[in-house]
């Protein structure tokens, strides 16, 4: 069974992030504001404008918070490295948690709508 949430390597002071995952760094600038760019290794150049950058390399960085270029570069926990293009993730910086809200490859996605 797949895990849908896990702890991040670190936490920081920031608002929760909900973003659609993309692997395409050439996305139009207006769309990037709501997307997280999935990187396969830490040496990749960061295309500007994305809501977050997800590092999904098998060899997790052991670097400290100060070695990161910005708080939005997030090492994906090993248990969540199945995420791919089109999935929706939620990152809670203060709690140091990441959750997968929607998986494009799942046959069992459901949405609950209620009146506010």
Protein backbone atom coordinates (compact mmCIF):
# COMPACT_ATOMS: atom_id res chain seq x y z
CA UNK A 1 0.00 0.00 0.00
CA UNK A 2 1.27 3.45 -0.90
CA UNK A 3 1.85 6.03 1.77
CA UNK A 4 0.02 9.29 1.06
CA UNK A 5 1.88 11.49 3.56
CA UNK A 6 5.21 11.59 5.32
CA UNK A 7 7.55 13.85 7.27
CA UNK A 8 10.00 16.10 5.45
CA UNK A 9 13.68 16.30 6.40
CA UNK A 10 13.12 19.75 7.87
CA UNK A 11 10.47 22.32 8.71
CA UNK A 12 10.41 26.09 8.28
CA UNK A 13 8.09 29.00 8.88
CA UNK A 14 5.79 29.29 5.89
CA UNK A 15 2.24 28.97 4.66
CA UNK A 16 0.95 25.60 3.40
CA UNK A 17 1.52 24.96 -0.29
CA UNK A 18 -0.88 23.10 -2.57
CA UNK A 19 0.54 22.56 -6.04
CA UNK A 20 0.19 20.47 -9.16
CA UNK A 21 3.39 18.52 -9.93
CA UNK A 22 5.13 19.06 -13.26
CA UNK A 23 8.40 17.87 -14.75
CA UNK A 24 8.37 20.50 -17.50
CA UNK A 25 10.55 23.53 -16.64
CA UNK A 26 9.25 25.31 -19.79
CA UNK A 27 5.69 25.79 -18.50
CA UNK A 28 4.19 29.27 -19.12
CA UNK A 29 4.98 31.77 -16.36
CA UNK A 30 1.36 32.32 -15.19
CA UNK A 31 0.87 28.56 -14.71
CA UNK A 32 4.09 28.12 -12.72
CA UNK A 33 2.64 30.01 -9.74
CA UNK A 34 0.42 27.03 -8.91
CA UNK A 35 2.85 24.22 -9.81
CA UNK A 36 5.77 22.43 -8.18
CA UNK A 37 8.65 21.46 -10.46
CA UNK A 38 9.82 17.88 -9.86
CA UNK A 39 13.63 17.67 -10.18
CA UNK A 40 15.49 14.38 -10.54
CA UNK A 41 18.80 15.64 -9.14
CA UNK A 42 20.04 18.58 -7.11
CA UNK A 43 22.35 19.83 -9.87
CA UNK A 44 19.42 20.85 -12.10
CA UNK A 45 18.98 24.57 -12.70
CA UNK A 46 15.88 26.04 -11.11
CA UNK A 47 13.57 27.62 -13.66
CA UNK A 48 12.12 30.73 -11.99
CA UNK A 49 8.50 31.22 -10.99
CA UNK A 50 7.39 27.83 -9.66
CA UNK A 51 5.51 27.66 -6.35
CA UNK A 52 7.93 24.99 -5.10
CA UNK A 53 10.74 22.73 -6.28
CA UNK A 54 10.64 19.03 -5.36
CA UNK A 55 13.89 17.08 -5.30
CA UNK A 56 13.14 13.41 -5.98
CA UNK A 57 16.65 11.97 -6.27
CA UNK A 58 17.33 8.60 -4.70
CA UNK A 59 20.35 10.02 -2.87
CA UNK A 60 18.89 12.50 -0.41
CA UNK A 61 20.93 15.53 0.36
CA UNK A 62 22.41 15.58 3.86
CA UNK A 63 22.88 19.34 3.67
CA UNK A 64 21.61 21.67 6.34
CA UNK A 65 18.93 24.30 5.94
CA UNK A 66 21.48 27.00 5.17
CA UNK A 67 22.91 25.02 2.23
CA UNK A 68 19.61 25.14 0.35
CA UNK A 69 19.12 27.85 -2.29
CA UNK A 70 15.60 28.62 -0.97
CA UNK A 71 12.99 27.09 1.35
CA UNK A 72 10.88 26.02 -1.62
CA UNK A 73 13.43 23.30 -2.60
CA UNK A 74 12.01 20.28 -0.84
CA UNK A 75 13.48 16.78 -0.68
CA UNK A 76 10.66 14.35 -1.36
CA UNK A 77 10.55 11.60 1.31
CA UNK A 78 11.48 8.16 -0.04
CA UNK A 79 7.97 6.85 0.62
CA UNK A 80 6.47 9.52 -1.70
CA UNK A 81 8.88 9.29 -4.63
CA UNK A 82 6.16 7.75 -6.77
CA UNK A 83 4.70 11.22 -7.44
CA UNK A 84 4.62 12.22 -11.07
CA UNK A 85 3.30 14.74 -13.58
CA UNK A 86 -0.21 15.93 -12.75
CA UNK A 87 -0.36 14.77 -9.13
CA UNK A 88 -1.48 17.31 -6.50
CA UNK A 89 0.61 17.67 -3.33
CA UNK A 90 0.25 19.63 -0.11
CA UNK A 91 3.34 20.78 1.78
CA UNK A 92 2.94 21.98 5.37
CA UNK A 93 6.21 23.80 6.15
CA UNK A 94 5.56 24.41 9.85
CA UNK A 95 4.64 20.77 10.49
CA UNK A 96 7.35 19.49 8.13
CA UNK A 97 4.91 17.25 6.27
CA UNK A 98 4.08 16.45 2.67
CA UNK A 99 0.84 14.83 1.50
CA UNK A 100 -0.35 13.54 -1.86
CA UNK A 101 -3.92 14.78 -2.35
CA UNK A 102 -4.55 13.50 -5.89
CA UNK A 103 -2.73 10.87 -7.96
CA UNK A 104 -3.30 10.88 -11.71
CA UNK A 105 -2.52 7.17 -11.91
CA UNK A 106 -4.98 6.18 -9.16
CA UNK A 107 -8.29 4.57 -10.07
CA UNK A 108 -9.72 5.57 -6.68
CA UNK A 109 -9.57 9.39 -6.49
CA UNK A 110 -12.57 11.02 -4.85
CA UNK A 111 -13.48 14.62 -4.16
CA UNK A 112 -15.86 15.83 -1.46
CA UNK A 113 -17.51 19.18 -1.98
CA UNK A 114 -19.53 20.92 0.69
CA UNK A 115 -21.20 24.27 1.00
CA UNK A 116 -19.36 26.78 3.13
